[in-house]
């Protein structure tokens, strides 16, 4: 009977170590994903800012073809929607 208790204690210790290893692995993966998510958000914000500047410059110029202006405005509108849902966590098209 005493041996069963020792085996159970050893088994519990091994399971606890395995659980800790699993937790540490998952915590590392979550931390890595959070860092990657932050980097993607920074890239998105930079792309949106660049697109806004391009849109303002294009609207001030009279030498740009209308098709190019439409493409720039479409890209700006698309990135604006992505910013709303991704960065600001707003639902597009629904009132607050």
Protein backbone atom coordinates (compact mmCIF):
# COMPACT_ATOMS: atom_id res chain seq x y z
CA UNK A 1 0.00 0.00 0.00
CA UNK A 2 2.86 2.37 0.81
CA UNK A 3 4.40 1.67 -2.57
CA UNK A 4 1.16 2.64 -4.31
CA UNK A 5 1.27 5.99 -2.50
CA UNK A 6 4.85 6.57 -3.64
CA UNK A 7 3.96 5.66 -7.22
CA UNK A 8 0.97 7.95 -7.12
CA UNK A 9 3.07 10.78 -5.72
CA UNK A 10 5.71 10.21 -8.41
CA UNK A 11 3.04 10.05 -11.10
CA UNK A 12 1.50 13.27 -9.80
CA UNK A 13 4.90 14.95 -9.82
CA UNK A 14 5.52 13.86 -13.43
CA UNK A 15 2.07 15.04 -14.51
CA UNK A 16 2.63 18.39 -12.80
CA UNK A 17 5.96 18.79 -14.60
CA UNK A 18 4.35 17.92 -17.93
CA UNK A 19 1.54 20.38 -17.25
CA UNK A 20 4.06 23.10 -16.40
CA UNK A 21 5.97 22.42 -19.62
CA UNK A 22 2.75 22.59 -21.60
CA UNK A 23 1.74 25.83 -19.87
CA UNK A 24 5.17 27.39 -20.47
CA UNK A 25 5.01 26.42 -24.15
CA UNK A 26 1.52 27.89 -24.54
CA UNK A 27 2.47 31.06 -22.66
CA UNK A 28 5.49 31.49 -24.96
CA UNK A 29 3.29 31.05 -28.05
CA UNK A 30 0.73 33.56 -26.76
CA UNK A 31 3.45 36.12 -26.00
CA UNK A 32 4.91 35.60 -29.48
CA UNK A 33 1.50 36.06 -31.11
CA UNK A 34 0.87 39.26 -29.11
CA UNK A 35 4.20 40.69 -30.31
CA UNK A 36 3.43 39.71 -33.91
CA UNK A 37 -0.06 41.21 -33.61
CA UNK A 38 1.42 44.49 -32.40
CA UNK A 39 3.85 44.52 -35.33
CA UNK A 40 1.02 43.87 -37.81
CA UNK A 41 -0.95 46.72 -36.28
CA UNK A 42 2.03 49.05 -36.65
CA UNK A 43 2.38 48.06 -40.31
CA UNK A 44 -1.33 48.62 -40.91
CA UNK A 45 -1.24 52.04 -39.27
CA UNK A 46 1.79 53.01 -41.38
CA UNK A 47 0.12 51.81 -44.59
CA UNK A 48 -3.06 53.72 -43.74
CA UNK A 49 -1.09 56.90 -43.01
CA UNK A 50 0.82 56.60 -46.27
CA UNK A 51 -2.44 56.03 -48.16
CA UNK A 52 -4.01 59.12 -46.55
CA UNK A 53 -1.03 61.26 -47.58
CA UNK A 54 -1.17 59.84 -51.11
CA UNK A 55 -4.91 60.57 -51.26
CA UNK A 56 -4.43 64.17 -50.15
CA UNK A 57 -1.60 64.72 -52.62
CA UNK A 58 -3.59 63.17 -55.46
CA UNK A 59 -6.63 65.32 -54.75
CA UNK A 60 -4.49 68.46 -54.87
CA UNK A 61 -3.08 67.53 -58.27
CA UNK A 62 -4.90 68.10 -61.54
CA UNK A 63 -2.54 65.95 -63.62
CA UNK A 64 -3.67 62.57 -62.27
CA UNK A 65 -6.05 60.43 -64.28
CA UNK A 66 -9.49 59.91 -62.71
CA UNK A 67 -9.02 56.12 -62.69
CA UNK A 68 -5.93 56.49 -60.51
CA UNK A 69 -7.83 58.80 -58.15
CA UNK A 70 -10.62 56.21 -57.87
CA UNK A 71 -8.09 53.47 -57.06
CA UNK A 72 -6.45 55.62 -54.38
CA UNK A 73 -9.80 56.55 -52.84
CA UNK A 74 -10.91 52.90 -52.89
CA UNK A 75 -7.71 51.81 -51.18
CA UNK A 76 -8.10 54.54 -48.57
CA UNK A 77 -11.70 53.55 -47.90
CA UNK A 78 -10.75 49.88 -47.63
CA UNK A 79 -7.87 50.58 -45.24
CA UNK A 80 -10.12 52.89 -43.23
CA UNK A 81 -12.60 50.03 -42.74
CA UNK A 82 -9.81 47.65 -41.79
CA UNK A 83 -8.47 50.21 -39.31
CA UNK A 84 -11.93 50.58 -37.76
CA UNK A 85 -12.38 46.85 -37.26
CA UNK A 86 -8.78 45.89 -36.48
CA UNK A 87 -7.31 48.80 -34.56
CA UNK A 88 -10.37 50.50 -33.09
CA UNK A 89 -12.48 47.32 -32.72
CA UNK A 90 -15.56 48.98 -34.20
CA UNK A 91 -18.19 47.21 -36.24
CA UNK A 92 -18.41 48.86 -39.64
CA UNK A 93 -21.88 49.94 -40.65
CA UNK A 94 -23.43 49.71 -37.17
CA UNK A 95 -24.16 52.81 -35.12
CA UNK A 96 -22.45 53.00 -31.71
